[in-house]
Amino acid sequence: MRLTPVQIHTIKSTTQAVLGEGVQVTLFGSRVHDAQKGGDVDFYVETSQPDLMKKIRCKVSLQDQLDMPVDLIVKPFGDLSPIALIAKQEGIRL
């Protein structure tokens, strides 16, 4: 996984502060693989009440703090969409 412990802490604290306590964050995509380089950071976030404005605030905050592009997918707990299944299957829960 190509994230530092400080970055992981920032991600977890920011998503909880903006999207609410109890969110579950999963890293997926290229940053999961140590051998790959570059790319944005892909997060799949589960929350009890997805909210578009909160998602936008969270994405902007993460991009500013991490100083890298962030792709943020926010879904309700138990979502069974294809992206949810891929993220949970191939990703790493933070």
Protein backbone atom coordinates (compact mmCIF):
# COMPACT_ATOMS: atom_id res chain seq x y z
CA MET A 1 0.00 0.00 0.00
CA ARG A 2 1.46 3.34 -1.04
CA LEU A 3 0.28 5.50 1.85
CA THR A 4 2.22 6.57 4.92
CA PRO A 5 0.88 6.16 8.47
CA VAL A 6 0.45 9.95 8.66
CA GLN A 7 -1.58 9.96 5.43
CA ILE A 8 -3.76 7.11 6.72
CA HIS A 9 -4.43 9.02 9.93
CA THR A 10 -5.33 12.14 7.92
CA ILE A 11 -7.70 10.15 5.71
CA LYS A 12 -9.47 8.47 8.61
CA SER A 13 -9.80 11.61 10.73
CA THR A 14 -10.97 13.77 7.82
CA THR A 15 -13.58 11.32 6.57
CA GLN A 16 -14.96 10.90 10.09
CA ALA A 17 -15.00 14.64 10.75
CA VAL A 18 -16.77 15.49 7.49
CA LEU A 19 -18.91 12.41 6.77
CA GLY A 20 -19.64 11.33 10.35
CA GLU A 21 -18.50 8.85 12.94
CA GLY A 22 -18.60 5.21 11.95
CA VAL A 23 -17.63 5.67 8.30
CA GLN A 24 -15.65 2.83 6.77
CA VAL A 25 -12.88 3.79 4.34
CA THR A 26 -11.40 1.38 1.81
CA LEU A 27 -8.40 2.20 -0.37
CA PHE A 28 -8.57 0.63 -3.82
CA GLY A 29 -7.02 1.11 -7.24
CA SER A 30 -3.36 1.67 -8.06
CA ARG A 31 -2.31 2.89 -4.58
CA VAL A 32 -2.97 -0.59 -3.18
CA HIS A 33 -0.06 -1.95 -5.21
CA ASP A 34 3.46 -1.12 -4.01
CA ALA A 35 5.04 -1.75 -7.42
CA GLN A 36 2.96 0.84 -9.26
CA LYS A 37 3.74 4.55 -9.40
CA GLY A 38 1.76 7.77 -9.54
CA GLY A 39 -1.96 7.92 -9.95
CA ASP A 40 -4.70 9.38 -7.86
CA VAL A 41 -5.90 7.97 -4.56
CA ASP A 42 -9.16 6.00 -4.82
CA PHE A 43 -11.36 5.70 -1.75
CA TYR A 44 -14.61 3.83 -1.29
CA VAL A 45 -16.41 5.19 1.77
CA GLU A 46 -19.46 3.66 3.42
CA THR A 47 -21.66 5.84 5.60
CA SER A 48 -25.14 5.67 7.02
CA GLN A 49 -26.32 8.82 5.20
CA PRO A 50 -24.47 9.77 1.98
CA ASP A 51 -24.67 13.50 1.29
CA LEU A 52 -23.35 15.12 -1.91
CA MET A 53 -22.19 18.37 -0.31
CA LYS A 54 -20.36 16.53 2.46
CA LYS A 55 -18.73 14.29 -0.15
CA ILE A 56 -17.48 17.35 -2.04
CA ARG A 57 -16.14 18.96 1.15
CA CYS A 58 -14.41 15.74 2.11
CA LYS A 59 -12.82 15.30 -1.32
CA VAL A 60 -11.51 18.88 -1.40
CA SER A 61 -10.18 18.61 2.14
CA LEU A 62 -8.40 15.32 1.42
CA GLN A 63 -6.87 16.68 -1.79
CA ASP A 64 -5.59 19.75 0.05
CA GLN A 65 -4.16 17.80 2.97
CA LEU A 66 -2.65 14.93 0.94
CA ASP A 67 -1.52 17.20 -1.91
CA MET A 68 -2.61 14.65 -4.51
CA PRO A 69 -5.72 13.94 -6.59
CA VAL A 70 -8.43 12.01 -4.75
CA ASP A 71 -11.29 9.98 -6.21
CA LEU A 72 -13.96 9.57 -3.52
CA ILE A 73 -16.92 7.22 -3.85
CA VAL A 74 -19.44 7.52 -1.03
CA LYS A 75 -22.21 4.92 -0.71
CA PRO A 76 -24.58 3.73 1.99
CA PHE A 77 -23.65 0.69 4.06
CA GLY A 78 -24.58 -2.54 2.28
CA ASP A 79 -24.48 -1.11 -1.24
CA LEU A 80 -24.10 -3.88 -3.81
CA SER A 81 -23.19 -1.83 -6.88
CA PRO A 82 -20.35 -3.15 -9.07
CA ILE A 83 -17.90 -0.50 -7.79
CA ALA A 84 -18.75 -1.42 -4.20
CA LEU A 85 -18.04 -5.08 -4.85
CA ILE A 86 -14.75 -4.32 -6.62
CA ALA A 87 -13.56 -1.91 -3.92
CA LYS A 88 -14.37 -4.33 -1.10
CA GLN A 89 -12.89 -7.31 -2.91
CA GLU A 90 -9.66 -5.72 -4.16
CA GLY A 91 -9.17 -2.89 -1.67
CA ILE A 92 -7.64 -2.47 1.76
CA ARG A 93 -9.82 -1.21 4.57
CA LEU A 94 -8.15 1.60 6.48
